[in-house]
Amino acid sequence: MPHGSDSRRQTADYIAEMAQELARIAAQHDFQVLQHLLQMAWEEARSIAHADTKRAEG
């Protein structure tokens, strides 16, 4: 994986994808607290990726 802001954004995107999938699985099995924590992780990772994208464009 490349270094720098592009790598950081790609990593945050990947974490967001994985957290979203895991949250979906947790919801299917009624793991409510785990689902909530994973959704928070998804939101944080998307926020990081979005901020890095705006920084790279700006």
C-alpha atoms as a PDB file:
ATOM      1  CA  MET A   1       0.000   0.000   0.000  1.00  0.00           C
ATOM      2  CA  PRO A   2       1.406   3.442  -0.864  1.00  0.00           C
ATOM      3  CA  HIS A   3       2.460   5.888   1.827  1.00  0.00           C
ATOM      4  CA  GLY A   4       1.029   9.340   2.446  1.00  0.00           C
ATOM      5  CA  SER A   5      -2.446  10.846   2.418  1.00  0.00           C
ATOM      6  CA  ASP A   6      -3.666   8.592  -0.399  1.00  0.00           C
ATOM      7  CA  SER A   7      -2.737   5.565   1.680  1.00  0.00           C
ATOM      8  CA  ARG A   8      -4.467   7.048   4.707  1.00  0.00           C
ATOM      9  CA  ARG A   9      -7.686   7.618   2.733  1.00  0.00           C
ATOM     10  CA  GLN A  10      -7.554   4.132   1.213  1.00  0.00           C
ATOM     11  CA  THR A  11      -7.015   2.612   4.642  1.00  0.00           C
ATOM     12  CA  ALA A  12      -9.922   4.572   6.119  1.00  0.00           C
ATOM     13  CA  ASP A  13     -12.138   3.501   3.184  1.00  0.00           C
ATOM     14  CA  TYR A  14     -11.189  -0.138   3.729  1.00  0.00           C
ATOM     15  CA  ILE A  15     -11.880   0.058   7.461  1.00  0.00           C
ATOM     16  CA  ALA A  16     -15.254   1.676   6.726  1.00  0.00           C
ATOM     17  CA  GLU A  17     -16.179  -1.134   4.328  1.00  0.00           C
ATOM     18  CA  MET A  18     -15.186  -3.821   6.822  1.00  0.00           C
ATOM     19  CA  ALA A  19     -16.958  -2.108   9.736  1.00  0.00           C
ATOM     20  CA  GLN A  20     -20.123  -1.745   7.667  1.00  0.00           C
ATOM     21  CA  GLU A  21     -20.109  -5.425   6.739  1.00  0.00           C
ATOM     22  CA  LEU A  22     -19.415  -6.494  10.320  1.00  0.00           C
ATOM     23  CA  ALA A  23     -22.200  -4.208  11.588  1.00  0.00           C
ATOM     24  CA  ARG A  24     -24.578  -5.883   9.136  1.00  0.00           C
ATOM     25  CA  ILE A  25     -23.580  -9.317  10.423  1.00  0.00           C
ATOM     26  CA  ALA A  26     -23.944  -8.170  14.033  1.00  0.00           C
ATOM     27  CA  ALA A  27     -27.442  -6.873  13.262  1.00  0.00           C
ATOM     28  CA  GLN A  28     -28.441 -10.202  11.706  1.00  0.00           C
ATOM     29  CA  HIS A  29     -27.522 -11.926  14.971  1.00  0.00           C
ATOM     30  CA  ASP A  30     -29.075  -9.251  17.196  1.00  0.00           C
ATOM     31  CA  PHE A  31     -25.754  -8.140  18.705  1.00  0.00           C
ATOM     32  CA  GLN A  32     -27.067  -4.656  19.340  1.00  0.00           C
ATOM     33  CA  VAL A  33     -24.134  -3.167  21.264  1.00  0.00           C
ATOM     34  CA  LEU A  34     -21.608  -4.620  18.841  1.00  0.00           C
ATOM     35  CA  GLN A  35     -23.626  -3.329  15.899  1.00  0.00           C
ATOM     36  CA  HIS A  36     -23.701   0.153  17.438  1.00  0.00           C
ATOM     37  CA  LEU A  37     -19.941   0.174  18.057  1.00  0.00           C
ATOM     38  CA  LEU A  38     -19.244  -0.996  14.513  1.00  0.00           C
ATOM     39  CA  GLN A  39     -21.543   1.681  13.102  1.00  0.00           C
ATOM     40  CA  MET A  40     -19.594   4.265  15.105  1.00  0.00           C
ATOM     41  CA  ALA A  41     -16.348   2.862  13.675  1.00  0.00           C
ATOM     42  CA  TRP A  42     -17.849   3.067  10.167  1.00  0.00           C
ATOM     43  CA  GLU A  43     -18.848   6.708  10.700  1.00  0.00           C
ATOM     44  CA  GLU A  44     -15.404   7.630  12.039  1.00  0.00           C
ATOM     45  CA  ALA A  45     -13.582   5.904   9.169  1.00  0.00           C
ATOM     46  CA  ARG A  46     -15.835   7.595   6.577  1.00  0.00           C
ATOM     47  CA  SER A  47     -15.217  10.946   8.265  1.00  0.00           C
ATOM     48  CA  ILE A  48     -11.448  10.425   8.091  1.00  0.00           C
ATOM     49  CA  ALA A  49     -11.600   9.350   4.436  1.00  0.00           C
ATOM     50  CA  HIS A  50     -13.797  12.324   3.541  1.00  0.00           C
ATOM     51  CA  ALA A  51     -11.551  14.802   5.355  1.00  0.00           C
ATOM     52  CA  ASP A  52      -8.477  13.403   3.614  1.00  0.00           C
ATOM     53  CA  THR A  53     -10.209  13.606   0.225  1.00  0.00           C
ATOM     54  CA  LYS A  54     -11.139  17.267   0.822  1.00  0.00           C
ATOM     55  CA  ARG A  55      -7.575  18.014   2.000  1.00  0.00           C
ATOM     56  CA  ALA A  56      -6.094  16.424  -1.135  1.00  0.00           C
ATOM     57  CA  GLU A  57      -8.455  18.412  -3.389  1.00  0.00           C
ATOM     58  CA  GLY A  58      -8.047  21.689  -1.598  1.00  0.00           C
END
